[in-house]
Amino acid sequence: MQVLLAASAWLSSRTAPFIIAVAALTFVFPGLFDWVRGDVQTCILGFIMLTMGMTLTTADFRVLAQRPLDIFIGSVAQYTIMPLLAFALVYFFHLPKGIAAGLILVGCSPGGVSSNIMSLLCKGDVAYSVGMTTASTLLAPLMTPLLVLWLVGESIEVDAVGLFRSILLVTLLPVGVGTLCNRLFGKCRGFSTACALMPGLAVLGLACIVGGVTSAHGSKFFESGALIFLCIFLHNGLGYLLGYFTGVLTRMNKAKRRTLSIEVGMQNAGLATVLAGRHFPLLPEAAIAAAISCVWHSISGTLIAAIFSVADRIKNK
C-alpha cells in the first residue's frame, strides 16, 4: 500500500510531463489508445468524476448553493469570453471561412468535463467546477446555436437530450455517488487510504483520455498550417487568462479563480468536432480546427494545472 501511495503522489506531482509524454507517444503510435472511444471513454470519465466526488462533502455543495452568483458569473464568462475571443481572432487574422467557423464553434461550446479533473489536480474548487460544467452544458442547446448563428451566420442544431444524458451519466451521477460514499464512510481509515490513491488513478485516467483524443485527432496536427495552431493557442491561452482575471475582478478566492480560469479556457472541443463535421461538411477546415482544439485543450489544461501546483509549492517553500 505504501508503494501505491508513493506512486499516486509521484503521478500527481508530475502530471504535466506524464500527460505530455503519453500524448507524444500516441502521436508516434496512435494505435496505443485507439481503444479509448465511445463507451470506454465515457466509463473512464465517469470513474474520474467518481474519484472527485469522493473528495467532496455535502458542505461543499451547500456553500455552492448559497452562492448562485458564482455560477451565474461563470456561465456569463463562459458564453462571452470564448465566443468573442474567437470572433476577434477571426477578424484580426482574416481567417478563411472554414477555420473561422471551427474556431468560433469551439468558442461557443460549453465547458469540457476534463476541466473538472484539472480543478482537482491544481487544488481548485471542485464543487464549483462541477457546477459550472453542468450549468454551461445545460445552457448549450440554447446558447451554442444562437451564438454560432450570430457570429458565423450559419444555423446548427444541438442534441439537447443527448447533452443532458451525457452530463448526467458522466458528471452528476458519479460525483453524487462519490460524495455519498464520502458522507457514509468518510471517517473510515480504509476509505481515507482509498481517497489518497485517487489523484494518481485520476491522472492515469486522464492519460487514457488524452491518449484516446490524440489517437483519434492527432493526425490533424500535420494536416494544418501554423496559423490554425497559433489561433487555437491564443484562443485557449487568453481564455485561461481572462477567466482568472474575471475571478479577480469579482473577488473570488484563489481556488475559485483557478477553477474559473480552467472552466473558461477549456471547451468541449469534442462536441465542437462532432458538430463541425455534421453541420459544415463543405468546410473540412472547421472540423480540423475543432479536432486540433480537442487535443490541445487536453494538454494545455494539464499544463495550467501544473503551473498552479508549482506556484503553490514555491509559495510553501
Protein backbone atom coordinates (compact mmCIF):
# COMPACT_ATOMS: atom_id res chain seq x y z
CA MET A 1 0.00 0.00 0.00
CA GLN A 2 2.86 2.38 0.76
CA VAL A 3 4.24 1.75 -2.72
CA LEU A 4 0.86 2.55 -4.28
CA LEU A 5 0.51 5.73 -2.21
CA ALA A 6 4.00 6.80 -3.25
CA ALA A 7 3.20 6.09 -6.91
CA SER A 8 0.00 8.13 -6.63
CA ALA A 9 1.89 11.06 -5.11
CA TRP A 10 4.56 10.80 -7.82
CA LEU A 11 1.99 10.88 -10.61
CA SER A 12 0.14 13.80 -9.01
CA SER A 13 3.31 15.87 -8.77
CA ARG A 14 4.35 15.10 -12.36
CA THR A 15 1.01 15.21 -14.14
CA ALA A 16 2.03 17.58 -16.94
CA PRO A 17 5.17 15.77 -18.16
CA PHE A 18 3.42 12.40 -17.82
CA ILE A 19 0.40 13.50 -19.89
CA ILE A 20 2.59 15.20 -22.50
CA ALA A 21 4.72 12.04 -22.75
CA VAL A 22 1.58 9.95 -23.31
CA ALA A 23 0.35 12.39 -25.98
CA ALA A 24 3.75 12.39 -27.72
CA LEU A 25 3.92 8.59 -27.66
CA THR A 26 0.41 8.38 -29.09
CA PHE A 27 1.37 10.73 -31.93
CA VAL A 28 4.01 8.19 -32.92
CA PHE A 29 1.95 5.07 -32.14
CA PRO A 30 -1.73 6.10 -32.48
CA GLY A 31 -2.92 2.54 -32.02
CA LEU A 32 -1.86 2.51 -28.36
CA PHE A 33 -5.04 4.26 -27.21
CA ASP A 34 -7.31 3.50 -30.12
CA TRP A 35 -9.49 1.56 -27.67
CA VAL A 36 -10.41 4.72 -25.71
CA ARG A 37 -13.53 5.54 -27.71
CA GLY A 38 -17.26 5.73 -27.12
CA ASP A 39 -18.48 3.83 -24.07
CA VAL A 40 -14.93 3.11 -22.86
CA GLN A 41 -14.12 6.82 -22.80
CA THR A 42 -17.42 7.52 -21.02
CA CYS A 43 -16.66 4.91 -18.35
CA ILE A 44 -13.17 6.32 -17.75
CA LEU A 45 -14.54 9.86 -17.42
CA GLY A 46 -17.24 8.58 -15.09
CA PHE A 47 -14.63 6.86 -12.92
CA ILE A 48 -12.55 10.04 -12.74
CA MET A 49 -15.64 12.01 -11.70
CA LEU A 50 -16.34 9.35 -9.05
CA THR A 51 -12.85 9.88 -7.61
CA MET A 52 -13.52 13.62 -7.46
CA GLY A 53 -16.85 13.06 -5.76
CA MET A 54 -15.04 11.09 -3.05
CA THR A 55 -13.15 14.27 -2.13
CA LEU A 56 -16.33 16.35 -1.78
CA THR A 57 -18.70 16.72 1.14
CA THR A 58 -22.27 17.93 1.30
CA ALA A 59 -20.87 21.11 2.87
CA ASP A 60 -19.09 21.88 -0.42
CA PHE A 61 -22.36 21.82 -2.33
CA ARG A 62 -24.17 23.68 0.44
CA VAL A 63 -21.70 26.54 0.09
CA LEU A 64 -22.15 26.39 -3.69
CA ALA A 65 -25.93 26.55 -3.36
CA GLN A 66 -25.56 29.60 -1.16
CA ARG A 67 -23.55 31.36 -3.89
CA PRO A 68 -25.61 31.07 -7.10
CA LEU A 69 -23.95 34.33 -8.17
CA ASP A 70 -20.69 32.42 -8.70
CA ILE A 71 -22.40 30.03 -11.13
CA PHE A 72 -24.01 32.98 -12.90
CA ILE A 73 -20.65 34.77 -13.23
CA GLY A 74 -19.05 31.61 -14.54
CA SER A 75 -21.80 30.97 -17.10
CA VAL A 76 -21.69 34.56 -18.37
CA ALA A 77 -17.89 34.38 -18.64
CA GLN A 78 -18.13 31.02 -20.45
CA TYR A 79 -20.50 32.29 -23.13
CA THR A 80 -18.99 35.74 -23.65
CA ILE A 81 -15.20 35.48 -23.32
CA MET A 82 -14.55 32.48 -25.56
CA PRO A 83 -17.02 33.31 -28.37
CA LEU A 84 -15.86 36.94 -28.54
CA LEU A 85 -12.19 35.93 -28.39
CA ALA A 86 -12.75 33.56 -31.30
CA PHE A 87 -14.51 36.26 -33.30
CA ALA A 88 -11.72 38.77 -32.56
CA LEU A 89 -9.06 36.32 -33.72
CA VAL A 90 -11.01 35.59 -36.89
CA TYR A 91 -11.23 39.32 -37.60
CA PHE A 92 -7.61 40.11 -36.68
CA PHE A 93 -6.01 37.29 -38.68
CA HIS A 94 -8.56 37.39 -41.55
CA LEU A 95 -9.04 33.64 -41.19
CA PRO A 96 -10.55 31.61 -44.05
CA LYS A 97 -14.22 30.73 -43.57
CA GLY A 98 -13.62 27.09 -42.66
CA ILE A 99 -11.07 27.78 -39.94
CA ALA A 100 -13.16 30.71 -38.70
CA ALA A 101 -16.27 28.52 -38.39
CA GLY A 102 -14.36 25.83 -36.47
CA LEU A 103 -12.73 28.27 -34.06
CA ILE A 104 -15.98 30.10 -33.35
CA LEU A 105 -17.80 26.79 -32.87
CA VAL A 106 -15.21 25.78 -30.25
CA GLY A 107 -15.64 29.16 -28.56
CA CYS A 108 -19.42 28.75 -28.44
CA SER A 109 -19.27 25.25 -26.92
CA PRO A 110 -19.81 24.52 -23.21
CA GLY A 111 -17.01 23.71 -20.78
CA GLY A 112 -15.35 20.32 -21.07
CA VAL A 113 -15.65 17.59 -18.42
CA SER A 114 -11.84 17.32 -18.30
CA SER A 115 -11.80 20.77 -16.70
CA ASN A 116 -13.16 19.16 -13.53
CA ILE A 117 -10.11 16.90 -13.40
CA MET A 118 -7.77 19.86 -13.79
CA SER A 119 -9.51 21.68 -10.94
CA LEU A 120 -8.89 18.67 -8.71
CA LEU A 121 -5.22 18.46 -9.67
CA CYS A 122 -4.49 22.16 -9.02
CA LYS A 123 -6.47 22.38 -5.75
CA GLY A 124 -9.24 24.42 -7.29
CA ASP A 125 -12.86 24.40 -6.14
CA VAL A 126 -14.07 21.07 -7.49
CA ALA A 127 -17.71 21.61 -6.48
CA TYR A 128 -17.67 24.94 -8.31
CA SER A 129 -16.09 23.28 -11.34
CA VAL A 130 -18.78 20.59 -11.47
CA GLY A 131 -21.48 23.26 -11.02
CA MET A 132 -20.07 25.38 -13.84
CA THR A 133 -19.68 22.46 -16.24
CA THR A 134 -23.24 21.37 -15.51
CA ALA A 135 -24.67 24.88 -15.97
CA SER A 136 -22.79 25.58 -19.22
CA THR A 137 -23.73 22.16 -20.65
CA LEU A 138 -27.41 22.59 -19.81
CA LEU A 139 -27.33 26.03 -21.45
CA ALA A 140 -25.50 24.72 -24.54
CA PRO A 141 -28.60 23.63 -26.55
CA LEU A 142 -29.77 27.25 -26.42
CA MET A 143 -26.55 29.27 -26.29
CA THR A 144 -24.35 27.37 -28.77
CA PRO A 145 -26.75 27.58 -31.76
CA LEU A 146 -27.63 31.22 -31.02
CA LEU A 147 -24.00 32.32 -30.73
CA VAL A 148 -22.93 30.41 -33.85
CA LEU A 149 -25.83 31.91 -35.81
CA TRP A 150 -24.86 35.39 -34.61
CA LEU A 151 -21.10 35.10 -35.14
CA VAL A 152 -20.91 32.78 -38.16
CA GLY A 153 -24.28 33.34 -39.78
CA GLU A 154 -24.98 29.60 -40.01
CA SER A 155 -27.67 27.71 -38.10
CA ILE A 156 -26.82 24.45 -36.30
CA GLU A 157 -28.75 22.00 -34.15
CA VAL A 158 -27.54 20.71 -30.79
CA ASP A 159 -28.91 17.46 -29.35
CA ALA A 160 -30.32 18.75 -26.06
CA VAL A 161 -31.41 15.31 -24.81
CA GLY A 162 -28.05 13.76 -25.68
CA LEU A 163 -26.14 16.54 -23.93
CA PHE A 164 -28.26 16.22 -20.80
CA ARG A 165 -27.83 12.44 -20.76
CA SER A 166 -24.06 12.83 -21.10
CA ILE A 167 -23.78 15.35 -18.27
CA LEU A 168 -25.99 13.14 -16.09
CA LEU A 169 -24.06 9.91 -16.69
CA VAL A 170 -20.54 11.32 -16.86
CA THR A 171 -20.70 14.08 -14.24
CA LEU A 172 -23.68 14.35 -11.90
CA LEU A 173 -24.29 10.66 -11.16
CA PRO A 174 -20.68 9.58 -10.40
CA VAL A 175 -19.95 12.77 -8.44
CA GLY A 176 -23.12 12.18 -6.43
CA VAL A 177 -22.16 8.55 -5.71
CA GLY A 178 -18.66 9.60 -4.66
CA THR A 179 -19.99 12.33 -2.37
CA LEU A 180 -22.44 9.87 -0.80
CA CYS A 181 -19.59 7.42 -0.16
CA ASN A 182 -17.62 10.22 1.49
CA ARG A 183 -20.57 11.02 3.73
CA LEU A 184 -21.14 7.37 4.70
CA PHE A 185 -17.55 6.15 5.00
CA GLY A 186 -15.50 9.35 5.33
CA LYS A 187 -14.38 8.52 8.86
CA CYS A 188 -13.21 5.00 7.97
CA ARG A 189 -9.46 4.55 7.71
CA GLY A 190 -9.74 2.34 4.64
CA PHE A 191 -11.78 4.97 2.82
CA SER A 192 -9.22 7.66 3.66
CA THR A 193 -6.48 5.45 2.24
CA ALA A 194 -8.52 4.86 -0.91
CA CYS A 195 -9.01 8.64 -1.28
CA ALA A 196 -5.24 9.12 -1.08
CA LEU A 197 -4.86 6.81 -4.09
CA MET A 198 -7.48 8.63 -6.15
CA PRO A 199 -5.31 11.50 -7.51
CA GLY A 200 -2.90 9.03 -9.08
CA LEU A 201 -5.74 6.99 -10.58
CA ALA A 202 -7.31 10.21 -11.89
CA VAL A 203 -4.03 11.05 -13.64
CA LEU A 204 -3.90 7.59 -15.23
CA GLY A 205 -7.50 8.01 -16.37
CA LEU A 206 -6.73 11.43 -17.77
CA ALA A 207 -3.72 9.98 -19.63
CA CYS A 208 -6.04 7.44 -21.25
CA ILE A 209 -8.49 10.19 -22.26
CA VAL A 210 -5.73 12.37 -23.75
CA GLY A 211 -4.28 9.30 -25.47
CA GLY A 212 -7.69 8.47 -26.95
CA VAL A 213 -8.25 12.03 -28.17
CA THR A 214 -4.75 12.15 -29.65
CA SER A 215 -5.26 8.79 -31.31
CA ALA A 216 -8.49 9.98 -32.92
CA HIS A 217 -7.48 13.51 -33.91
CA GLY A 218 -3.71 13.82 -33.52
CA SER A 219 -3.03 13.37 -37.22
CA LYS A 220 -4.92 16.61 -37.87
CA PHE A 221 -1.91 18.48 -36.48
CA PHE A 222 0.03 17.51 -39.58
CA GLU A 223 -2.78 18.46 -41.95
CA SER A 224 -2.99 22.06 -40.74
CA GLY A 225 -0.95 25.19 -41.15
CA ALA A 226 0.81 27.12 -38.44
CA LEU A 227 -1.91 29.78 -38.48
CA ILE A 228 -4.57 27.36 -37.21
CA PHE A 229 -2.41 26.27 -34.30
CA LEU A 230 -1.44 29.87 -33.46
CA CYS A 231 -5.08 30.95 -33.30
CA ILE A 232 -6.07 27.92 -31.20
CA PHE A 233 -3.14 28.57 -28.85
CA LEU A 234 -4.11 32.25 -28.44
CA HIS A 235 -7.81 31.46 -28.05
CA ASN A 236 -7.16 28.88 -25.36
CA GLY A 237 -4.41 30.81 -23.53
CA LEU A 238 -6.29 34.11 -23.46
CA GLY A 239 -9.33 32.20 -22.21
CA TYR A 240 -7.35 30.97 -19.19
CA LEU A 241 -6.01 34.47 -18.55
CA LEU A 242 -9.31 36.33 -18.87
CA GLY A 243 -11.13 33.66 -16.86
CA TYR A 244 -8.68 34.13 -13.99
CA PHE A 245 -8.90 37.92 -14.30
CA THR A 246 -12.72 37.67 -14.11
CA GLY A 247 -12.33 35.81 -10.80
CA VAL A 248 -10.03 38.56 -9.53
CA LEU A 249 -12.48 41.30 -10.56
CA THR A 250 -15.40 39.54 -8.85
CA ARG A 251 -13.30 38.97 -5.69
CA MET A 252 -13.38 35.18 -5.75
CA ASN A 253 -10.96 33.23 -3.57
CA LYS A 254 -7.88 31.57 -5.05
CA ALA A 255 -9.49 28.16 -5.54
CA LYS A 256 -12.45 29.64 -7.42
CA ARG A 257 -10.21 31.88 -9.54
CA ARG A 258 -8.25 28.84 -10.67
CA THR A 259 -11.41 26.92 -11.42
CA LEU A 260 -12.93 29.81 -13.36
CA SER A 261 -9.72 30.14 -15.38
CA ILE A 262 -9.76 26.46 -16.34
CA GLU A 263 -13.52 26.31 -16.95
CA VAL A 264 -13.43 29.29 -19.30
CA GLY A 265 -10.27 28.24 -21.15
CA MET A 266 -11.12 24.55 -21.64
CA GLN A 267 -14.00 23.96 -24.02
CA ASN A 268 -15.88 20.82 -25.01
CA ALA A 269 -13.96 20.73 -28.28
CA GLY A 270 -15.01 17.10 -28.80
CA LEU A 271 -18.61 18.31 -29.12
CA ALA A 272 -17.43 21.07 -31.46
CA THR A 273 -15.64 18.49 -33.64
CA VAL A 274 -18.82 16.42 -34.00
CA LEU A 275 -20.94 19.49 -34.75
CA ALA A 276 -18.41 20.79 -37.30
CA GLY A 277 -18.40 17.51 -39.20
CA ARG A 278 -22.19 17.34 -39.15
CA HIS A 279 -23.11 20.95 -39.97
CA PHE A 280 -20.15 22.21 -42.02
CA PRO A 281 -19.49 19.31 -44.43
CA LEU A 282 -18.35 21.71 -47.17
CA LEU A 283 -15.82 23.32 -44.80
CA PRO A 284 -13.48 20.48 -43.72
CA GLU A 285 -11.13 23.02 -42.11
CA ALA A 286 -13.82 23.63 -39.47
CA ALA A 287 -13.60 20.04 -38.21
CA ILE A 288 -9.79 20.18 -38.37
CA ALA A 289 -9.68 23.34 -36.23
CA ALA A 290 -12.08 21.78 -33.70
CA ALA A 291 -10.12 18.49 -33.61
CA ILE A 292 -6.82 20.28 -33.00
CA SER A 293 -8.50 22.25 -30.21
CA CYS A 294 -9.70 18.96 -28.72
CA VAL A 295 -6.14 17.67 -28.43
CA TRP A 296 -4.55 20.96 -27.41
CA HIS A 297 -7.09 21.79 -24.68
CA SER A 298 -6.40 18.43 -23.03
CA ILE A 299 -2.65 19.11 -23.00
CA SER A 300 -2.84 22.82 -22.07
CA GLY A 301 -5.28 22.15 -19.24
CA THR A 302 -2.74 19.79 -17.72
CA LEU A 303 -0.03 22.43 -18.13
CA ILE A 304 -2.07 25.21 -16.47
CA ALA A 305 -2.96 22.90 -13.56
CA ALA A 306 0.75 22.09 -13.20
CA ILE A 307 1.65 25.80 -13.20
CA PHE A 308 -0.81 26.44 -10.38
CA SER A 309 0.57 23.47 -8.42
CA VAL A 310 4.18 24.63 -8.89
CA ALA A 311 3.18 28.10 -7.69
CA ASP A 312 1.81 26.50 -4.51
CA ARG A 313 5.00 24.54 -3.91
CA ILE A 314 7.15 27.64 -4.41
CA LYS A 315 4.97 29.63 -2.03
CA ASN A 316 5.08 26.89 0.61
CA LYS A 317 8.88 26.85 0.49
